[in-house]
Amino acid sequence: MPTFMGQHFLGIDNMAKESAARCLKENGEPDDYLCVACLYALMDDKPMAVRHLELAIEKGFNSWYVLRDHPWLKSLKGYTDYEALLKKYLK
């Protein structure tokens, strides 16, 4: 689990956001974007979560069922932009 997820679970979300941004700047792998999307979904920031899912896909992430079934993305279910993203890639 990335450091920023641990920080979130400890309740230090501002530090988690900073760590997530640093992670993306230093690594920027598709899975990193997925983890950041999970962070934002857990913080109930749906627009930022979906944006990071889009960036993950742009970077090459293609595990579509992970996007649909990941437990940390549950809060996105029913959110229009998330549902549109799933519809676009899950056929």
N, C-alpha and C. Protein backbone atom coordinates (compact mmCIF):
# COMPACT_ATOMS: atom_id res chain seq x y z
N MET A 1 0.85 -1.17 0.00
CA MET A 1 0.00 0.00 0.00
C MET A 1 0.90 1.23 0.00
N PRO A 2 0.63 2.17 -0.89
CA PRO A 2 1.43 3.40 -0.90
C PRO A 2 1.31 4.17 0.41
N THR A 3 2.32 4.94 0.71
CA THR A 3 2.36 5.74 1.93
C THR A 3 1.13 6.62 2.06
N PHE A 4 0.69 7.23 0.96
CA PHE A 4 -0.44 8.15 1.06
C PHE A 4 -1.73 7.46 1.48
N MET A 5 -1.88 6.18 1.20
CA MET A 5 -3.07 5.47 1.66
C MET A 5 -3.00 5.31 3.18
N GLY A 6 -1.85 4.98 3.69
CA GLY A 6 -1.68 4.87 5.14
C GLY A 6 -1.95 6.21 5.81
N GLN A 7 -1.47 7.27 5.20
CA GLN A 7 -1.71 8.60 5.76
C GLN A 7 -3.20 8.91 5.80
N HIS A 8 -3.91 8.52 4.76
CA HIS A 8 -5.36 8.75 4.74
C HIS A 8 -6.02 8.00 5.90
N PHE A 9 -5.67 6.74 6.06
CA PHE A 9 -6.29 5.95 7.12
C PHE A 9 -5.92 6.46 8.51
N LEU A 10 -4.83 7.20 8.60
CA LEU A 10 -4.46 7.83 9.87
C LEU A 10 -5.15 9.18 10.05
N GLY A 11 -5.87 9.63 9.02
CA GLY A 11 -6.63 10.88 9.13
C GLY A 11 -5.84 12.12 8.78
N ILE A 12 -4.72 11.96 8.10
CA ILE A 12 -3.94 13.13 7.71
C ILE A 12 -4.01 13.29 6.18
N ASP A 13 -5.20 13.70 5.74
CA ASP A 13 -5.48 13.75 4.31
C ASP A 13 -4.68 14.80 3.55
N ASN A 14 -4.40 15.94 4.16
CA ASN A 14 -3.59 16.94 3.45
C ASN A 14 -2.21 16.38 3.14
N MET A 15 -1.63 15.69 4.11
CA MET A 15 -0.32 15.07 3.87
C MET A 15 -0.45 13.94 2.84
N ALA A 16 -1.56 13.22 2.88
CA ALA A 16 -1.79 12.14 1.91
C ALA A 16 -1.84 12.70 0.49
N LYS A 17 -2.52 13.83 0.31
CA LYS A 17 -2.60 14.46 -1.01
C LYS A 17 -1.22 14.89 -1.50
N GLU A 18 -0.42 15.44 -0.60
CA GLU A 18 0.94 15.86 -0.96
C GLU A 18 1.78 14.65 -1.35
N SER A 19 1.67 13.58 -0.57
CA SER A 19 2.43 12.36 -0.87
C SER A 19 1.98 11.74 -2.19
N ALA A 20 0.67 11.79 -2.45
CA ALA A 20 0.15 11.24 -3.71
C ALA A 20 0.70 12.03 -4.90
N ALA A 21 0.70 13.35 -4.79
CA ALA A 21 1.23 14.18 -5.87
C ALA A 21 2.71 13.90 -6.10
N ARG A 22 3.45 13.73 -5.01
CA ARG A 22 4.88 13.42 -5.13
C ARG A 22 5.08 12.05 -5.78
N CYS A 23 4.26 11.09 -5.42
CA CYS A 23 4.34 9.75 -6.00
C CYS A 23 4.14 9.81 -7.51
N LEU A 24 3.13 10.55 -7.94
CA LEU A 24 2.86 10.66 -9.37
C LEU A 24 3.99 11.38 -10.10
N LYS A 25 4.55 12.39 -9.45
CA LYS A 25 5.65 13.13 -10.07
C LYS A 25 6.89 12.26 -10.21
N GLU A 26 7.17 11.45 -9.19
CA GLU A 26 8.39 10.63 -9.19
C GLU A 26 8.23 9.35 -10.00
N ASN A 27 7.04 8.75 -9.99
CA ASN A 27 6.84 7.45 -10.64
C ASN A 27 5.92 7.57 -11.85
N GLY A 28 4.68 7.93 -11.59
CA GLY A 28 3.73 8.15 -12.67
C GLY A 28 3.34 6.91 -13.46
N GLU A 29 3.39 5.75 -12.82
CA GLU A 29 2.97 4.52 -13.49
C GLU A 29 1.45 4.42 -13.45
N PRO A 30 0.85 3.66 -14.37
CA PRO A 30 -0.61 3.53 -14.38
C PRO A 30 -1.19 3.09 -13.03
N ASP A 31 -0.54 2.15 -12.37
CA ASP A 31 -1.03 1.68 -11.08
C ASP A 31 -0.97 2.77 -10.02
N ASP A 32 -0.01 3.67 -10.13
CA ASP A 32 0.07 4.79 -9.20
C ASP A 32 -1.15 5.69 -9.34
N TYR A 33 -1.57 5.92 -10.57
CA TYR A 33 -2.76 6.74 -10.81
C TYR A 33 -4.01 6.05 -10.26
N LEU A 34 -4.07 4.72 -10.39
CA LEU A 34 -5.20 3.99 -9.81
C LEU A 34 -5.22 4.17 -8.30
N CYS A 35 -4.07 4.04 -7.65
CA CYS A 35 -4.00 4.21 -6.20
C CYS A 35 -4.42 5.62 -5.78
N VAL A 36 -4.01 6.62 -6.53
CA VAL A 36 -4.41 7.99 -6.22
C VAL A 36 -5.92 8.14 -6.43
N ALA A 37 -6.46 7.51 -7.45
CA ALA A 37 -7.91 7.54 -7.66
C ALA A 37 -8.62 6.91 -6.46
N CYS A 38 -8.08 5.83 -5.95
CA CYS A 38 -8.66 5.19 -4.76
C CYS A 38 -8.61 6.13 -3.57
N LEU A 39 -7.50 6.84 -3.41
CA LEU A 39 -7.38 7.80 -2.32
C LEU A 39 -8.51 8.82 -2.40
N TYR A 40 -8.68 9.41 -3.56
CA TYR A 40 -9.72 10.43 -3.71
C TYR A 40 -11.12 9.84 -3.56
N ALA A 41 -11.32 8.62 -4.02
CA ALA A 41 -12.63 7.99 -3.83
C ALA A 41 -12.91 7.77 -2.35
N LEU A 42 -11.90 7.33 -1.60
CA LEU A 42 -12.08 7.15 -0.16
C LEU A 42 -12.34 8.47 0.55
N MET A 43 -11.80 9.55 -0.01
CA MET A 43 -12.01 10.88 0.58
C MET A 43 -13.32 11.50 0.05
N ASP A 44 -14.03 10.75 -0.78
CA ASP A 44 -15.30 11.16 -1.37
C ASP A 44 -15.16 12.37 -2.29
N ASP A 45 -14.01 12.47 -2.95
CA ASP A 45 -13.81 13.50 -3.97
C ASP A 45 -13.93 12.80 -5.33
N LYS A 46 -15.18 12.62 -5.74
CA LYS A 46 -15.46 11.85 -6.95
C LYS A 46 -14.85 12.44 -8.22
N PRO A 47 -14.93 13.75 -8.45
CA PRO A 47 -14.32 14.29 -9.67
C PRO A 47 -12.81 14.00 -9.76
N MET A 48 -12.11 14.17 -8.65
CA MET A 48 -10.66 13.90 -8.67
C MET A 48 -10.38 12.41 -8.84
N ALA A 49 -11.21 11.57 -8.24
CA ALA A 49 -11.03 10.12 -8.39
C ALA A 49 -11.18 9.71 -9.85
N VAL A 50 -12.23 10.19 -10.49
CA VAL A 50 -12.46 9.83 -11.89
C VAL A 50 -11.36 10.41 -12.78
N ARG A 51 -10.93 11.61 -12.48
CA ARG A 51 -9.85 12.21 -13.29
C ARG A 51 -8.59 11.35 -13.22
N HIS A 52 -8.27 10.83 -12.04
CA HIS A 52 -7.08 9.99 -11.91
C HIS A 52 -7.28 8.61 -12.56
N LEU A 53 -8.51 8.14 -12.60
CA LEU A 53 -8.77 6.91 -13.35
C LEU A 53 -8.55 7.16 -14.84
N GLU A 54 -9.01 8.30 -15.32
CA GLU A 54 -8.78 8.65 -16.73
C GLU A 54 -7.29 8.73 -17.03
N LEU A 55 -6.53 9.34 -16.12
CA LEU A 55 -5.08 9.45 -16.32
C LEU A 55 -4.43 8.07 -16.28
N ALA A 56 -4.91 7.19 -15.41
CA ALA A 56 -4.38 5.82 -15.35
C ALA A 56 -4.57 5.13 -16.70
N ILE A 57 -5.77 5.31 -17.27
CA ILE A 57 -6.06 4.70 -18.57
C ILE A 57 -5.17 5.31 -19.65
N GLU A 58 -5.00 6.62 -19.63
CA GLU A 58 -4.13 7.28 -20.61
C GLU A 58 -2.70 6.76 -20.52
N LYS A 59 -2.27 6.40 -19.30
CA LYS A 59 -0.91 5.90 -19.08
C LYS A 59 -0.79 4.41 -19.40
N GLY A 60 -1.92 3.74 -19.70
CA GLY A 60 -1.86 2.35 -20.11
C GLY A 60 -2.57 1.35 -19.20
N PHE A 61 -3.23 1.82 -18.16
CA PHE A 61 -3.96 0.90 -17.29
C PHE A 61 -5.12 0.30 -18.07
N ASN A 62 -5.26 -1.03 -18.02
CA ASN A 62 -6.32 -1.66 -18.80
C ASN A 62 -6.98 -2.84 -18.08
N SER A 63 -6.91 -2.86 -16.77
CA SER A 63 -7.61 -3.89 -16.00
C SER A 63 -9.01 -3.37 -15.67
N TRP A 64 -9.87 -3.45 -16.66
CA TRP A 64 -11.18 -2.81 -16.59
C TRP A 64 -12.02 -3.32 -15.42
N TYR A 65 -11.92 -4.61 -15.12
CA TYR A 65 -12.73 -5.14 -14.04
C TYR A 65 -12.23 -4.68 -12.67
N VAL A 66 -10.96 -4.33 -12.58
CA VAL A 66 -10.45 -3.73 -11.35
C VAL A 66 -11.12 -2.37 -11.15
N LEU A 67 -11.27 -1.63 -12.23
CA LEU A 67 -11.94 -0.33 -12.14
C LEU A 67 -13.38 -0.48 -11.66
N ARG A 68 -14.02 -1.55 -12.07
CA ARG A 68 -15.41 -1.77 -11.69
C ARG A 68 -15.56 -2.36 -10.29
N ASP A 69 -14.62 -3.24 -9.90
CA ASP A 69 -14.82 -4.04 -8.69
C ASP A 69 -13.93 -3.67 -7.51
N HIS A 70 -13.02 -2.73 -7.67
CA HIS A 70 -12.10 -2.40 -6.58
C HIS A 70 -12.91 -1.86 -5.39
N PRO A 71 -12.73 -2.44 -4.21
CA PRO A 71 -13.55 -2.02 -3.06
C PRO A 71 -13.35 -0.56 -2.66
N TRP A 72 -12.19 0.01 -2.92
CA TRP A 72 -11.95 1.40 -2.54
C TRP A 72 -12.61 2.38 -3.51
N LEU A 73 -13.12 1.87 -4.61
CA LEU A 73 -13.81 2.72 -5.57
C LEU A 73 -15.34 2.63 -5.43
N LYS A 74 -15.81 1.93 -4.42
CA LYS A 74 -17.25 1.73 -4.21
C LYS A 74 -18.03 3.03 -4.15
N SER A 75 -17.45 4.06 -3.56
CA SER A 75 -18.18 5.33 -3.41
C SER A 75 -18.50 5.97 -4.75
N LEU A 76 -17.84 5.51 -5.82
CA LEU A 76 -18.08 6.08 -7.15
C LEU A 76 -19.29 5.48 -7.84
N LYS A 77 -19.75 4.35 -7.35
CA LYS A 77 -20.89 3.69 -7.99
C LYS A 77 -22.09 4.64 -8.02
N GLY A 78 -22.67 4.78 -9.19
CA GLY A 78 -23.79 5.68 -9.37
C GLY A 78 -23.38 7.09 -9.78
N TYR A 79 -22.10 7.42 -9.66
CA TYR A 79 -21.61 8.73 -10.08
C TYR A 79 -21.53 8.75 -11.60
N THR A 80 -22.18 9.70 -12.21
CA THR A 80 -22.36 9.74 -13.66
C THR A 80 -21.05 9.60 -14.45
N ASP A 81 -20.03 10.36 -14.08
CA ASP A 81 -18.77 10.32 -14.83
C ASP A 81 -18.08 8.95 -14.71
N TYR A 82 -18.16 8.36 -13.53
CA TYR A 82 -17.57 7.03 -13.32
C TYR A 82 -18.33 5.98 -14.14
N GLU A 83 -19.64 6.04 -14.09
CA GLU A 83 -20.45 5.07 -14.85
C GLU A 83 -20.19 5.22 -16.35
N ALA A 84 -20.01 6.44 -16.82
CA ALA A 84 -19.71 6.67 -18.24
C ALA A 84 -18.34 6.09 -18.60
N LEU A 85 -17.39 6.24 -17.69
CA LEU A 85 -16.05 5.68 -17.91
C LEU A 85 -16.13 4.16 -18.02
N LEU A 86 -16.84 3.53 -17.10
CA LEU A 86 -17.00 2.07 -17.16
C LEU A 86 -17.69 1.64 -18.43
N LYS A 87 -18.74 2.35 -18.78
CA LYS A 87 -19.49 2.00 -20.00
C LYS A 87 -18.60 2.08 -21.24
N LYS A 88 -17.73 3.06 -21.25
CA LYS A 88 -16.84 3.25 -22.40
C LYS A 88 -15.86 2.09 -22.55
N TYR A 89 -15.38 1.54 -21.44
CA TYR A 89 -14.32 0.53 -21.50
C TYR A 89 -14.79 -0.90 -21.22
N LEU A 90 -15.90 -1.06 -20.54
CA LEU A 90 -16.45 -2.40 -20.27
C LEU A 90 -17.58 -2.67 -21.24
N LYS A 91 -17.30 -3.49 -22.18
CA LYS A 91 -18.31 -3.76 -23.21
C LYS A 91 -18.86 -5.16 -23.06
